């Protein structure tokens, strides 16, 4: 059965311009679909607009149906450590210079996040 995401968490250095710009696009896309967006409390989210809910980084995976990590491989791996035990799907948007992990370009954020939100996922890995 397709999973409908009602809450999405952003992960990354949201105050850095290379991360903030795609984050704004993701936030706008999700808000149009009435999806609640969360970010870690310590992240600077003012530039992303109003309405973001902030939670402790350690609590983010407990509060969301999907995490979108924006940054380099390290950011994606850091997010993966937090979401793995909870079985929360993780979508990576690469902003690093030499990515080893498979990602997609920021210009396709809206298309890819829509595809991901409509994808069939299994919380138990199967």
PDB file of N, CA and C in Angstrom:
ATOM      1  N   UNK A   1       0.843  -1.182   0.000  1.00  0.00           N
ATOM      2  CA  UNK A   1       0.000   0.000   0.000  1.00  0.00           C
ATOM      3  C   UNK A   1       0.887   1.243   0.000  1.00  0.00           C
ATOM      4  N   UNK A   2       0.589   2.236  -0.841  1.00  0.00           N
ATOM      5  CA  UNK A   2       1.386   3.464  -0.859  1.00  0.00           C
ATOM      6  C   UNK A   2       1.336   4.179   0.489  1.00  0.00           C
ATOM      7  N   UNK A   3       2.456   4.735   0.866  1.00  0.00           N
ATOM      8  CA  UNK A   3       2.564   5.463   2.126  1.00  0.00           C
ATOM      9  C   UNK A   3       2.260   6.933   1.886  1.00  0.00           C
ATOM     10  N   UNK A   4       1.409   7.501   2.692  1.00  0.00           N
ATOM     11  CA  UNK A   4       1.122   8.925   2.623  1.00  0.00           C
ATOM     12  C   UNK A   4       1.865   9.600   3.764  1.00  0.00           C
ATOM     13  N   UNK A   5       2.796  10.476   3.431  1.00  0.00           N
ATOM     14  CA  UNK A   5       3.562  11.174   4.442  1.00  0.00           C
ATOM     15  C   UNK A   5       2.785  12.404   4.893  1.00  0.00           C
ATOM     16  N   UNK A   6       2.565  12.509   6.187  1.00  0.00           N
ATOM     17  CA  UNK A   6       1.865  13.664   6.749  1.00  0.00           C
ATOM     18  C   UNK A   6       2.835  14.619   7.430  1.00  0.00           C
ATOM     19  N   UNK A   7       3.994  14.075   7.821  1.00  0.00           N
ATOM     20  CA  UNK A   7       5.013  14.877   8.486  1.00  0.00           C
ATOM     21  C   UNK A   7       6.371  14.545   7.886  1.00  0.00           C
ATOM     22  N   UNK A   8       7.176  15.589   7.630  1.00  0.00           N
ATOM     23  CA  UNK A   8       8.498  15.411   7.042  1.00  0.00           C
ATOM     24  C   UNK A   8       9.493  16.231   7.854  1.00  0.00           C
ATOM     25  N   UNK A   9      10.633  15.635   8.124  1.00  0.00           N
ATOM     26  CA  UNK A   9      11.698  16.323   8.840  1.00  0.00           C
ATOM     27  C   UNK A   9      12.821  16.707   7.894  1.00  0.00           C
ATOM     28  N   UNK A  10      13.359  17.904   8.069  1.00  0.00           N
ATOM     29  CA  UNK A  10      14.522  18.359   7.300  1.00  0.00           C
ATOM     30  C   UNK A  10      15.773  18.122   8.129  1.00  0.00           C
ATOM     31  N   UNK A  11      16.848  17.721   7.458  1.00  0.00           N
ATOM     32  CA  UNK A  11      18.105  17.461   8.138  1.00  0.00           C
ATOM     33  C   UNK A  11      19.226  18.099   7.335  1.00  0.00           C
ATOM     34  N   UNK A  12      20.107  18.807   7.989  1.00  0.00           N
ATOM     35  CA  UNK A  12      21.244  19.410   7.315  1.00  0.00           C
ATOM     36  C   UNK A  12      21.601  20.737   7.945  1.00  0.00           C
ATOM     37  N   UNK A  13      22.614  21.368   7.408  1.00  0.00           N
ATOM     38  CA  UNK A  13      23.036  22.685   7.884  1.00  0.00           C
ATOM     39  C   UNK A  13      22.174  23.726   7.169  1.00  0.00           C
ATOM     40  N   UNK A  14      20.997  23.920   7.693  1.00  0.00           N
ATOM     41  CA  UNK A  14      19.962  24.696   7.016  1.00  0.00           C
ATOM     42  C   UNK A  14      20.294  26.175   6.865  1.00  0.00           C
ATOM     43  N   UNK A  15      21.290  26.661   7.578  1.00  0.00           N
ATOM     44  CA  UNK A  15      21.669  28.071   7.446  1.00  0.00           C
ATOM     45  C   UNK A  15      22.676  28.289   6.319  1.00  0.00           C
ATOM     46  N   UNK A  16      23.289  27.225   5.806  1.00  0.00           N
ATOM     47  CA  UNK A  16      24.240  27.369   4.697  1.00  0.00           C
ATOM     48  C   UNK A  16      23.474  27.589   3.396  1.00  0.00           C
ATOM     49  N   UNK A  17      23.866  28.581   2.593  1.00  0.00           N
ATOM     50  CA  UNK A  17      23.132  28.885   1.357  1.00  0.00           C
ATOM     51  C   UNK A  17      22.945  27.684   0.421  1.00  0.00           C
ATOM     52  N   UNK A  18      23.956  26.829   0.301  1.00  0.00           N
ATOM     53  CA  UNK A  18      23.836  25.684  -0.610  1.00  0.00           C
ATOM     54  C   UNK A  18      22.820  24.666  -0.118  1.00  0.00           C
ATOM     55  N   UNK A  19      22.487  24.717   1.149  1.00  0.00           N
ATOM     56  CA  UNK A  19      21.484  23.827   1.744  1.00  0.00           C
ATOM     57  C   UNK A  19      20.151  24.557   1.883  1.00  0.00           C
ATOM     58  N   UNK A  20      20.207  25.832   2.252  1.00  0.00           N
ATOM     59  CA  UNK A  20      18.985  26.601   2.495  1.00  0.00           C
ATOM     60  C   UNK A  20      18.118  26.729   1.246  1.00  0.00           C
ATOM     61  N   UNK A  21      18.738  26.920   0.081  1.00  0.00           N
ATOM     62  CA  UNK A  21      17.946  27.105  -1.142  1.00  0.00           C
ATOM     63  C   UNK A  21      17.121  25.859  -1.491  1.00  0.00           C
ATOM     64  N   UNK A  22      17.731  24.670  -1.571  1.00  0.00           N
ATOM     65  CA  UNK A  22      16.884  23.500  -1.835  1.00  0.00           C
ATOM     66  C   UNK A  22      15.919  23.220  -0.683  1.00  0.00           C
ATOM     67  N   UNK A  23      16.310  23.559   0.538  1.00  0.00           N
ATOM     68  CA  UNK A  23      15.407  23.358   1.675  1.00  0.00           C
ATOM     69  C   UNK A  23      14.153  24.217   1.521  1.00  0.00           C
ATOM     70  N   UNK A  24      14.318  25.463   1.069  1.00  0.00           N
ATOM     71  CA  UNK A  24      13.164  26.336   0.823  1.00  0.00           C
ATOM     72  C   UNK A  24      12.234  25.727  -0.219  1.00  0.00           C
ATOM     73  N   UNK A  25      12.817  25.159  -1.276  1.00  0.00           N
ATOM     74  CA  UNK A  25      12.011  24.525  -2.323  1.00  0.00           C
ATOM     75  C   UNK A  25      11.239  23.330  -1.772  1.00  0.00           C
ATOM     76  N   UNK A  26      11.901  22.532  -0.973  1.00  0.00           N
ATOM     77  CA  UNK A  26      11.252  21.361  -0.376  1.00  0.00           C
ATOM     78  C   UNK A  26      10.123  21.802   0.552  1.00  0.00           C
ATOM     79  N   UNK A  27      10.401  22.789   1.398  1.00  0.00           N
ATOM     80  CA  UNK A  27       9.393  23.285   2.335  1.00  0.00           C
ATOM     81  C   UNK A  27       8.179  23.820   1.574  1.00  0.00           C
ATOM     82  N   UNK A  28       8.403  24.621   0.548  1.00  0.00           N
ATOM     83  CA  UNK A  28       7.284  25.173  -0.239  1.00  0.00           C
ATOM     84  C   UNK A  28       6.474  24.051  -0.880  1.00  0.00           C
ATOM     85  N   UNK A  29       7.149  23.080  -1.436  1.00  0.00           N
ATOM     86  CA  UNK A  29       6.480  21.939  -2.075  1.00  0.00           C
ATOM     87  C   UNK A  29       5.628  21.166  -1.064  1.00  0.00           C
ATOM     88  N   UNK A  30       6.182  20.914   0.098  1.00  0.00           N
ATOM     89  CA  UNK A  30       5.452  20.150   1.117  1.00  0.00           C
ATOM     90  C   UNK A  30       4.273  20.941   1.673  1.00  0.00           C
ATOM     91  N   UNK A  31       4.469  22.226   1.887  1.00  0.00           N
ATOM     92  CA  UNK A  31       3.366  23.053   2.418  1.00  0.00           C
ATOM     93  C   UNK A  31       2.183  23.096   1.456  1.00  0.00           C
ATOM     94  N   UNK A  32       2.461  23.140   0.151  1.00  0.00           N
ATOM     95  CA  UNK A  32       1.373  23.123  -0.833  1.00  0.00           C
ATOM     96  C   UNK A  32       0.536  21.864  -0.687  1.00  0.00           C
ATOM     97  N   UNK A  33       1.160  20.815  -0.228  1.00  0.00           N
ATOM     98  CA  UNK A  33       0.474  19.532  -0.051  1.00  0.00           C
ATOM     99  C   UNK A  33      -0.008  19.326   1.380  1.00  0.00           C
ATOM    100  N   UNK A  34       0.063  20.403   2.163  1.00  0.00           N
ATOM    101  CA  UNK A  34      -0.396  20.406   3.555  1.00  0.00           C
ATOM    102  C   UNK A  34       0.312  19.355   4.404  1.00  0.00           C
ATOM    103  N   UNK A  35       1.602  19.233   4.164  1.00  0.00           N
ATOM    104  CA  UNK A  35       2.440  18.322   4.939  1.00  0.00           C
ATOM    105  C   UNK A  35       3.200  19.154   5.966  1.00  0.00           C
ATOM    106  N   UNK A  36       3.136  18.736   7.227  1.00  0.00           N
ATOM    107  CA  UNK A  36       3.818  19.453   8.310  1.00  0.00           C
ATOM    108  C   UNK A  36       5.322  19.195   8.220  1.00  0.00           C
ATOM    109  N   UNK A  37       6.120  20.262   8.346  1.00  0.00           N
ATOM    110  CA  UNK A  37       7.569  20.157   8.227  1.00  0.00           C
ATOM    111  C   UNK A  37       8.220  20.444   9.581  1.00  0.00           C
ATOM    112  N   UNK A  38       9.148  19.564   9.945  1.00  0.00           N
ATOM    113  CA  UNK A  38       9.897  19.693  11.190  1.00  0.00           C
ATOM    114  C   UNK A  38      11.372  19.900  10.874  1.00  0.00           C
ATOM    115  N   UNK A  39      12.090  20.522  11.798  1.00  0.00           N
ATOM    116  CA  UNK A  39      13.536  20.696  11.684  1.00  0.00           C
ATOM    117  C   UNK A  39      14.125  20.577  13.083  1.00  0.00           C
ATOM    118  N   UNK A  40      15.395  20.201  13.173  1.00  0.00           N
ATOM    119  CA  UNK A  40      16.041  20.165  14.490  1.00  0.00           C
ATOM    120  C   UNK A  40      16.024  21.552  15.130  1.00  0.00           C
ATOM    121  N   UNK A  41      15.835  21.581  16.420  1.00  0.00           N
ATOM    122  CA  UNK A  41      15.704  22.847  17.157  1.00  0.00           C
ATOM    123  C   UNK A  41      16.911  23.757  16.965  1.00  0.00           C
ATOM    124  N   UNK A  42      18.111  23.200  16.905  1.00  0.00           N
ATOM    125  CA  UNK A  42      19.308  24.034  16.798  1.00  0.00           C
ATOM    126  C   UNK A  42      19.522  24.592  15.398  1.00  0.00           C
ATOM    127  N   UNK A  43      18.777  24.115  14.419  1.00  0.00           N
ATOM    128  CA  UNK A  43      18.916  24.597  13.040  1.00  0.00           C
ATOM    129  C   UNK A  43      18.336  26.002  12.919  1.00  0.00           C
ATOM    130  N   UNK A  44      18.991  26.822  12.103  1.00  0.00           N
ATOM    131  CA  UNK A  44      18.474  28.160  11.837  1.00  0.00           C
ATOM    132  C   UNK A  44      17.458  28.045  10.708  1.00  0.00           C
ATOM    133  N   UNK A  45      16.180  28.206  11.048  1.00  0.00           N
ATOM    134  CA  UNK A  45      15.112  27.959  10.083  1.00  0.00           C
ATOM    135  C   UNK A  45      14.390  29.221   9.632  1.00  0.00           C
ATOM    136  N   UNK A  46      14.813  30.383  10.105  1.00  0.00           N
ATOM    137  CA  UNK A  46      14.112  31.631   9.768  1.00  0.00           C
ATOM    138  C   UNK A  46      14.022  31.842   8.263  1.00  0.00           C
ATOM    139  N   UNK A  47      15.067  31.519   7.549  1.00  0.00           N
ATOM    140  CA  UNK A  47      15.086  31.764   6.101  1.00  0.00           C
ATOM    141  C   UNK A  47      14.167  30.806   5.335  1.00  0.00           C
ATOM    142  N   UNK A  48      13.673  29.775   5.999  1.00  0.00           N
ATOM    143  CA  UNK A  48      12.825  28.788   5.325  1.00  0.00           C
ATOM    144  C   UNK A  48      11.350  29.155   5.389  1.00  0.00           C
ATOM    145  N   UNK A  49      11.038  30.236   6.069  1.00  0.00           N
ATOM    146  CA  UNK A  49       9.652  30.669   6.152  1.00  0.00           C
ATOM    147  C   UNK A  49       9.000  30.259   7.459  1.00  0.00           C
ATOM    148  N   UNK A  50       7.760  30.641   7.585  1.00  0.00           N
ATOM    149  CA  UNK A  50       7.016  30.375   8.819  1.00  0.00           C
ATOM    150  C   UNK A  50       6.416  28.978   8.803  1.00  0.00           C
ATOM    151  N   UNK A  51       6.062  28.523   9.999  1.00  0.00           N
ATOM    152  CA  UNK A  51       5.308  27.293  10.107  1.00  0.00           C
ATOM    153  C   UNK A  51       6.114  26.031  10.350  1.00  0.00           C
ATOM    154  N   UNK A  52       7.439  26.125  10.337  1.00  0.00           N
ATOM    155  CA  UNK A  52       8.241  24.954  10.644  1.00  0.00           C
ATOM    156  C   UNK A  52       8.168  24.687  12.144  1.00  0.00           C
ATOM    157  N   UNK A  53       8.005  23.442  12.479  1.00  0.00           N
ATOM    158  CA  UNK A  53       8.047  23.059  13.882  1.00  0.00           C
ATOM    159  C   UNK A  53       9.452  22.578  14.177  1.00  0.00           C
ATOM    160  N   UNK A  54       9.956  22.934  15.334  1.00  0.00           N
ATOM    161  CA  UNK A  54      11.295  22.493  15.698  1.00  0.00           C
ATOM    162  C   UNK A  54      11.216  21.520  16.865  1.00  0.00           C
ATOM    163  N   UNK A  55      12.080  20.527  16.816  1.00  0.00           N
ATOM    164  CA  UNK A  55      12.172  19.524  17.874  1.00  0.00           C
ATOM    165  C   UNK A  55      13.652  19.225  18.097  1.00  0.00           C
ATOM    166  N   UNK A  56      13.964  18.591  19.204  1.00  0.00           N
ATOM    167  CA  UNK A  56      15.337  18.177  19.459  1.00  0.00           C
ATOM    168  C   UNK A  56      15.774  17.219  18.353  1.00  0.00           C
ATOM    169  N   UNK A  57      17.034  17.308  17.945  1.00  0.00           N
ATOM    170  CA  UNK A  57      17.559  16.450  16.889  1.00  0.00           C
ATOM    171  C   UNK A  57      17.297  14.973  17.197  1.00  0.00           C
ATOM    172  N   UNK A  58      17.442  14.607  18.452  1.00  0.00           N
ATOM    173  CA  UNK A  58      17.236  13.206  18.851  1.00  0.00           C
ATOM    174  C   UNK A  58      15.778  12.780  18.784  1.00  0.00           C
ATOM    175  N   UNK A  59      14.864  13.726  18.693  1.00  0.00           N
ATOM    176  CA  UNK A  59      13.434  13.430  18.647  1.00  0.00           C
ATOM    177  C   UNK A  59      12.850  13.489  17.233  1.00  0.00           C
ATOM    178  N   UNK A  60      13.612  14.022  16.280  1.00  0.00           N
ATOM    179  CA  UNK A  60      13.075  14.263  14.936  1.00  0.00           C
ATOM    180  C   UNK A  60      12.501  12.998  14.304  1.00  0.00           C
ATOM    181  N   UNK A  61      13.246  11.914  14.334  1.00  0.00           N
ATOM    182  CA  UNK A  61      12.792  10.672  13.704  1.00  0.00           C
ATOM    183  C   UNK A  61      11.551  10.095  14.369  1.00  0.00           C
ATOM    184  N   UNK A  62      11.314  10.451  15.611  1.00  0.00           N
ATOM    185  CA  UNK A  62      10.124   9.973  16.329  1.00  0.00           C
ATOM    186  C   UNK A  62       8.872  10.743  15.920  1.00  0.00           C
ATOM    187  N   UNK A  63       9.054  11.921  15.331  1.00  0.00           N
ATOM    188  CA  UNK A  63       7.934  12.811  15.040  1.00  0.00           C
ATOM    189  C   UNK A  63       7.512  12.844  13.575  1.00  0.00           C
ATOM    190  N   UNK A  64       8.313  12.227  12.679  1.00  0.00           N
ATOM    191  CA  UNK A  64       8.048  12.384  11.248  1.00  0.00           C
ATOM    192  C   UNK A  64       7.883  11.041  10.541  1.00  0.00           C
ATOM    193  N   UNK A  65       7.257  11.115   9.358  1.00  0.00           N
ATOM    194  CA  UNK A  65       7.054   9.938   8.511  1.00  0.00           C
ATOM    195  C   UNK A  65       8.171   9.774   7.485  1.00  0.00           C
ATOM    196  N   UNK A  66       8.935  10.846   7.233  1.00  0.00           N
ATOM    197  CA  UNK A  66      10.011  10.859   6.244  1.00  0.00           C
ATOM    198  C   UNK A  66      11.019  11.915   6.667  1.00  0.00           C
ATOM    199  N   UNK A  67      12.311  11.638   6.451  1.00  0.00           N
ATOM    200  CA  UNK A  67      13.350  12.636   6.676  1.00  0.00           C
ATOM    201  C   UNK A  67      14.008  12.949   5.340  1.00  0.00           C
ATOM    202  N   UNK A  68      14.173  14.247   5.054  1.00  0.00           N
ATOM    203  CA  UNK A  68      14.881  14.712   3.869  1.00  0.00           C
ATOM    204  C   UNK A  68      16.194  15.318   4.356  1.00  0.00           C
ATOM    205  N   UNK A  69      17.299  14.662   4.015  1.00  0.00           N
ATOM    206  CA  UNK A  69      18.624  15.142   4.403  1.00  0.00           C
ATOM    207  C   UNK A  69      19.231  15.906   3.227  1.00  0.00           C
ATOM    208  N   UNK A  70      19.672  17.140   3.496  1.00  0.00           N
ATOM    209  CA  UNK A  70      20.245  17.988   2.454  1.00  0.00           C
ATOM    210  C   UNK A  70      21.675  18.316   2.849  1.00  0.00           C
ATOM    211  N   UNK A  71      22.625  17.885   2.029  1.00  0.00           N
ATOM    212  CA  UNK A  71      24.031  18.132   2.328  1.00  0.00           C
ATOM    213  C   UNK A  71      24.896  17.128   1.608  1.00  0.00           C
ATOM    214  N   UNK A  72      26.019  16.816   2.198  1.00  0.00           N
ATOM    215  CA  UNK A  72      26.930  15.841   1.614  1.00  0.00           C
ATOM    216  C   UNK A  72      26.692  14.455   2.176  1.00  0.00           C
ATOM    217  N   UNK A  73      27.598  13.549   1.842  1.00  0.00           N
ATOM    218  CA  UNK A  73      27.486  12.179   2.315  1.00  0.00           C
ATOM    219  C   UNK A  73      27.443  12.108   3.839  1.00  0.00           C
ATOM    220  N   UNK A  74      28.235  12.945   4.500  1.00  0.00           N
ATOM    221  CA  UNK A  74      28.263  12.946   5.964  1.00  0.00           C
ATOM    222  C   UNK A  74      26.911  13.301   6.561  1.00  0.00           C
ATOM    223  N   UNK A  75      26.244  14.267   5.957  1.00  0.00           N
ATOM    224  CA  UNK A  75      24.917  14.661   6.431  1.00  0.00           C
ATOM    225  C   UNK A  75      23.934  13.506   6.283  1.00  0.00           C
ATOM    226  N   UNK A  76      23.981  12.857   5.124  1.00  0.00           N
ATOM    227  CA  UNK A  76      23.085  11.725   4.880  1.00  0.00           C
ATOM    228  C   UNK A  76      23.366  10.589   5.853  1.00  0.00           C
ATOM    229  N   UNK A  77      24.623  10.292   6.084  1.00  0.00           N
ATOM    230  CA  UNK A  77      24.973   9.221   7.019  1.00  0.00           C
ATOM    231  C   UNK A  77      24.586   9.578   8.448  1.00  0.00           C
ATOM    232  N   UNK A  78      24.786  10.831   8.831  1.00  0.00           N
ATOM    233  CA  UNK A  78      24.396  11.280  10.180  1.00  0.00           C
ATOM    234  C   UNK A  78      22.884  11.131  10.366  1.00  0.00           C
ATOM    235  N   UNK A  79      22.120  11.555   9.372  1.00  0.00           N
ATOM    236  CA  UNK A  79      20.664  11.411   9.444  1.00  0.00           C
ATOM    237  C   UNK A  79      20.277   9.933   9.500  1.00  0.00           C
ATOM    238  N   UNK A  80      20.966   9.118   8.709  1.00  0.00           N
ATOM    239  CA  UNK A  80      20.652   7.680   8.670  1.00  0.00           C
ATOM    240  C   UNK A  80      20.819   7.040  10.037  1.00  0.00           C
ATOM    241  N   UNK A  81      21.824   7.445  10.778  1.00  0.00           N
ATOM    242  CA  UNK A  81      22.021   6.889  12.123  1.00  0.00           C
ATOM    243  C   UNK A  81      20.834   7.204  13.024  1.00  0.00           C
ATOM    244  N   UNK A  82      20.217   8.355  12.835  1.00  0.00           N
ATOM    245  CA  UNK A  82      19.097   8.743  13.690  1.00  0.00           C
ATOM    246  C   UNK A  82      17.779   8.083  13.283  1.00  0.00           C
ATOM    247  N   UNK A  83      17.611   7.802  12.004  1.00  0.00           N
ATOM    248  CA  UNK A  83      16.320   7.268  11.548  1.00  0.00           C
ATOM    249  C   UNK A  83      16.293   5.747  11.442  1.00  0.00           C
ATOM    250  N   UNK A  84      17.451   5.112  11.383  1.00  0.00           N
ATOM    251  CA  UNK A  84      17.518   3.669  11.109  1.00  0.00           C
ATOM    252  C   UNK A  84      16.722   2.829  12.101  1.00  0.00           C
ATOM    253  N   UNK A  85      16.907   3.056  13.373  1.00  0.00           N
ATOM    254  CA  UNK A  85      16.235   2.213  14.357  1.00  0.00           C
ATOM    255  C   UNK A  85      14.723   2.425  14.398  1.00  0.00           C
ATOM    256  N   UNK A  86      14.265   3.523  13.872  1.00  0.00           N
ATOM    257  CA  UNK A  86      12.822   3.805  13.858  1.00  0.00           C
ATOM    258  C   UNK A  86      12.180   3.396  12.534  1.00  0.00           C
ATOM    259  N   UNK A  87      12.986   3.039  11.538  1.00  0.00           N
ATOM    260  CA  UNK A  87      12.434   2.627  10.250  1.00  0.00           C
ATOM    261  C   UNK A  87      11.843   3.760   9.433  1.00  0.00           C
ATOM    262  N   UNK A  88      12.303   4.979   9.676  1.00  0.00           N
ATOM    263  CA  UNK A  88      11.798   6.145   8.947  1.00  0.00           C
ATOM    264  C   UNK A  88      12.524   6.240   7.610  1.00  0.00           C
ATOM    265  N   UNK A  89      11.797   6.352   6.496  1.00  0.00           N
ATOM    266  CA  UNK A  89      12.460   6.512   5.200  1.00  0.00           C
ATOM    267  C   UNK A  89      13.304   7.783   5.156  1.00  0.00           C
ATOM    268  N   UNK A  90      14.397   7.716   4.418  1.00  0.00           N
ATOM    269  CA  UNK A  90      15.335   8.826   4.315  1.00  0.00           C
ATOM    270  C   UNK A  90      15.566   9.139   2.845  1.00  0.00           C
ATOM    271  N   UNK A  91      15.389  10.415   2.487  1.00  0.00           N
ATOM    272  CA  UNK A  91      15.610  10.891   1.131  1.00  0.00           C
ATOM    273  C   UNK A  91      16.771  11.880   1.175  1.00  0.00           C
ATOM    274  N   UNK A  92      17.799  11.659   0.346  1.00  0.00           N
ATOM    275  CA  UNK A  92      18.966  12.530   0.356  1.00  0.00           C
ATOM    276  C   UNK A  92      19.007  13.459  -0.835  1.00  0.00           C
ATOM    277  N   UNK A  93      19.341  14.722  -0.585  1.00  0.00           N
ATOM    278  CA  UNK A  93      19.584  15.702  -1.641  1.00  0.00           C
ATOM    279  C   UNK A  93      21.037  16.115  -1.501  1.00  0.00           C
ATOM    280  N   UNK A  94      21.851  15.738  -2.471  1.00  0.00           N
ATOM    281  CA  UNK A  94      23.290  15.953  -2.376  1.00  0.00           C
ATOM    282  C   UNK A  94      23.680  17.394  -2.666  1.00  0.00           C
ATOM    283  N   UNK A  95      24.428  17.975  -1.757  1.00  0.00           N
ATOM    284  CA  UNK A  95      25.004  19.311  -1.954  1.00  0.00           C
ATOM    285  C   UNK A  95      26.508  19.257  -1.783  1.00  0.00           C
ATOM    286  N   UNK A  96      27.056  18.059  -1.571  1.00  0.00           N
ATOM    287  CA  UNK A  96      28.503  17.899  -1.410  1.00  0.00           C
ATOM    288  C   UNK A  96      29.191  17.901  -2.762  1.00  0.00           C
ATOM    289  N   UNK A  97      30.504  18.007  -2.747  1.00  0.00           N
ATOM    290  CA  UNK A  97      31.252  18.085  -3.989  1.00  0.00           C
ATOM    291  C   UNK A  97      31.595  16.744  -4.606  1.00  0.00           C
ATOM    292  N   UNK A  98      31.807  15.724  -3.796  1.00  0.00           N
ATOM    293  CA  UNK A  98      32.231  14.435  -4.344  1.00  0.00           C
ATOM    294  C   UNK A  98      31.438  13.311  -3.685  1.00  0.00           C
ATOM    295  N   UNK A  99      30.198  13.219  -4.029  1.00  0.00           N
ATOM    296  CA  UNK A  99      29.312  12.249  -3.395  1.00  0.00           C
ATOM    297  C   UNK A  99      29.631  10.826  -3.815  1.00  0.00           C
ATOM    298  N   UNK A 100      29.618   9.954  -2.854  1.00  0.00           N
ATOM    299  CA  UNK A 100      29.762   8.528  -3.118  1.00  0.00           C
ATOM    300  C   UNK A 100      28.401   7.853  -3.122  1.00  0.00           C
ATOM    301  N   UNK A 101      27.458   8.471  -2.449  1.00  0.00           N
ATOM    302  CA  UNK A 101      26.125   7.898  -2.332  1.00  0.00           C
ATOM    303  C   UNK A 101      25.239   8.389  -3.469  1.00  0.00           C
ATOM    304  N   UNK A 102      24.278   7.585  -3.876  1.00  0.00           N
ATOM    305  CA  UNK A 102      23.371   7.942  -4.973  1.00  0.00           C
ATOM    306  C   UNK A 102      22.391   9.014  -4.497  1.00  0.00           C
ATOM    307  N   UNK A 103      22.275  10.078  -5.272  1.00  0.00           N
ATOM    308  CA  UNK A 103      21.408  11.208  -4.928  1.00  0.00           C
ATOM    309  C   UNK A 103      20.797  11.761  -6.203  1.00  0.00           C
ATOM    310  N   UNK A 104      20.113  12.897  -6.078  1.00  0.00           N
ATOM    311  CA  UNK A 104      19.572  13.580  -7.247  1.00  0.00           C
ATOM    312  C   UNK A 104      19.776  15.071  -7.100  1.00  0.00           C
ATOM    313  N   UNK A 105      19.632  15.791  -8.179  1.00  0.00           N
ATOM    314  CA  UNK A 105      19.901  17.229  -8.211  1.00  0.00           C
ATOM    315  C   UNK A 105      18.767  18.028  -7.560  1.00  0.00           C
ATOM    316  N   UNK A 106      19.103  19.180  -6.938  1.00  0.00           N
ATOM    317  CA  UNK A 106      18.081  20.025  -6.318  1.00  0.00           C
ATOM    318  C   UNK A 106      16.994  20.467  -7.287  1.00  0.00           C
ATOM    319  N   UNK A 107      17.326  20.604  -8.574  1.00  0.00           N
ATOM    320  CA  UNK A 107      16.318  21.062  -9.539  1.00  0.00           C
ATOM    321  C   UNK A 107      15.190  20.048  -9.715  1.00  0.00           C
ATOM    322  N   UNK A 108      15.399  18.825  -9.242  1.00  0.00           N
ATOM    323  CA  UNK A 108      14.353  17.799  -9.352  1.00  0.00           C
ATOM    324  C   UNK A 108      13.711  17.502  -8.005  1.00  0.00           C
ATOM    325  N   UNK A 109      13.929  18.372  -7.014  1.00  0.00           N
ATOM    326  CA  UNK A 109      13.393  18.140  -5.664  1.00  0.00           C
ATOM    327  C   UNK A 109      11.893  17.887  -5.661  1.00  0.00           C
ATOM    328  N   UNK A 110      11.144  18.762  -6.280  1.00  0.00           N
ATOM    329  CA  UNK A 110       9.687  18.644  -6.247  1.00  0.00           C
ATOM    330  C   UNK A 110       9.239  17.336  -6.872  1.00  0.00           C
ATOM    331  N   UNK A 111       9.770  17.020  -8.035  1.00  0.00           N
ATOM    332  CA  UNK A 111       9.392  15.793  -8.724  1.00  0.00           C
ATOM    333  C   UNK A 111       9.760  14.571  -7.894  1.00  0.00           C
ATOM    334  N   UNK A 112      10.984  14.530  -7.382  1.00  0.00           N
ATOM    335  CA  UNK A 112      11.453  13.369  -6.632  1.00  0.00           C
ATOM    336  C   UNK A 112      10.722  13.218  -5.305  1.00  0.00           C
ATOM    337  N   UNK A 113      10.444  14.321  -4.609  1.00  0.00           N
ATOM    338  CA  UNK A 113       9.758  14.195  -3.327  1.00  0.00           C
ATOM    339  C   UNK A 113       8.321  13.742  -3.533  1.00  0.00           C
ATOM    340  N   UNK A 114       7.695  14.150  -4.638  1.00  0.00           N
ATOM    341  CA  UNK A 114       6.352  13.662  -4.955  1.00  0.00           C
ATOM    342  C   UNK A 114       6.408  12.165  -5.236  1.00  0.00           C
ATOM    343  N   UNK A 115       7.384  11.748  -6.036  1.00  0.00           N
ATOM    344  CA  UNK A 115       7.534  10.325  -6.324  1.00  0.00           C
ATOM    345  C   UNK A 115       7.782   9.540  -5.039  1.00  0.00           C
ATOM    346  N   UNK A 116       8.620  10.077  -4.172  1.00  0.00           N
ATOM    347  CA  UNK A 116       8.924   9.386  -2.930  1.00  0.00           C
ATOM    348  C   UNK A 116       7.715   9.318  -2.018  1.00  0.00           C
ATOM    349  N   UNK A 117       6.931  10.397  -1.973  1.00  0.00           N
ATOM    350  CA  UNK A 117       5.768  10.402  -1.093  1.00  0.00           C
ATOM    351  C   UNK A 117       4.681   9.463  -1.578  1.00  0.00           C
ATOM    352  N   UNK A 118       4.738   9.087  -2.859  1.00  0.00           N
ATOM    353  CA  UNK A 118       3.745   8.175  -3.399  1.00  0.00           C
ATOM    354  C   UNK A 118       4.269   6.747  -3.496  1.00  0.00           C
ATOM    355  N   UNK A 119       5.538   6.576  -3.150  1.00  0.00           N
ATOM    356  CA  UNK A 119       6.144   5.250  -3.276  1.00  0.00           C
ATOM    357  C   UNK A 119       5.638   4.310  -2.200  1.00  0.00           C
ATOM    358  N   UNK A 120       5.669   3.069  -2.531  1.00  0.00           N
ATOM    359  CA  UNK A 120       5.336   2.054  -1.542  1.00  0.00           C
ATOM    360  C   UNK A 120       6.577   1.808  -0.714  1.00  0.00           C
ATOM    361  N   UNK A 121       6.444   1.972   0.594  1.00  0.00           N
ATOM    362  CA  UNK A 121       7.567   1.731   1.480  1.00  0.00           C
ATOM    363  C   UNK A 121       7.160   0.735   2.544  1.00  0.00           C
ATOM    364  N   UNK A 122       8.128   0.105   3.063  1.00  0.00           N
ATOM    365  CA  UNK A 122       7.879  -0.848   4.135  1.00  0.00           C
ATOM    366  C   UNK A 122       8.684  -0.437   5.341  1.00  0.00           C
ATOM    367  N   UNK A 123       8.040  -0.293   6.430  1.00  0.00           N
ATOM    368  CA  UNK A 123       8.720   0.116   7.651  1.00  0.00           C
ATOM    369  C   UNK A 123       9.557  -1.008   8.247  1.00  0.00           C
ATOM    370  N   UNK A 124       9.375  -2.236   7.775  1.00  0.00           N
ATOM    371  CA  UNK A 124      10.145  -3.342   8.333  1.00  0.00           C
ATOM    372  C   UNK A 124      11.237  -3.806   7.385  1.00  0.00           C
ATOM    373  N   UNK A 125      11.534  -3.039   6.379  1.00  0.00           N
ATOM    374  CA  UNK A 125      12.622  -3.343   5.472  1.00  0.00           C
ATOM    375  C   UNK A 125      12.308  -4.375   4.407  1.00  0.00           C
ATOM    376  N   UNK A 126      11.060  -4.790   4.270  1.00  0.00           N
ATOM    377  CA  UNK A 126      10.746  -5.853   3.317  1.00  0.00           C
ATOM    378  C   UNK A 126       9.905  -5.448   2.182  1.00  0.00           C
TER     379      UNK A 126
END
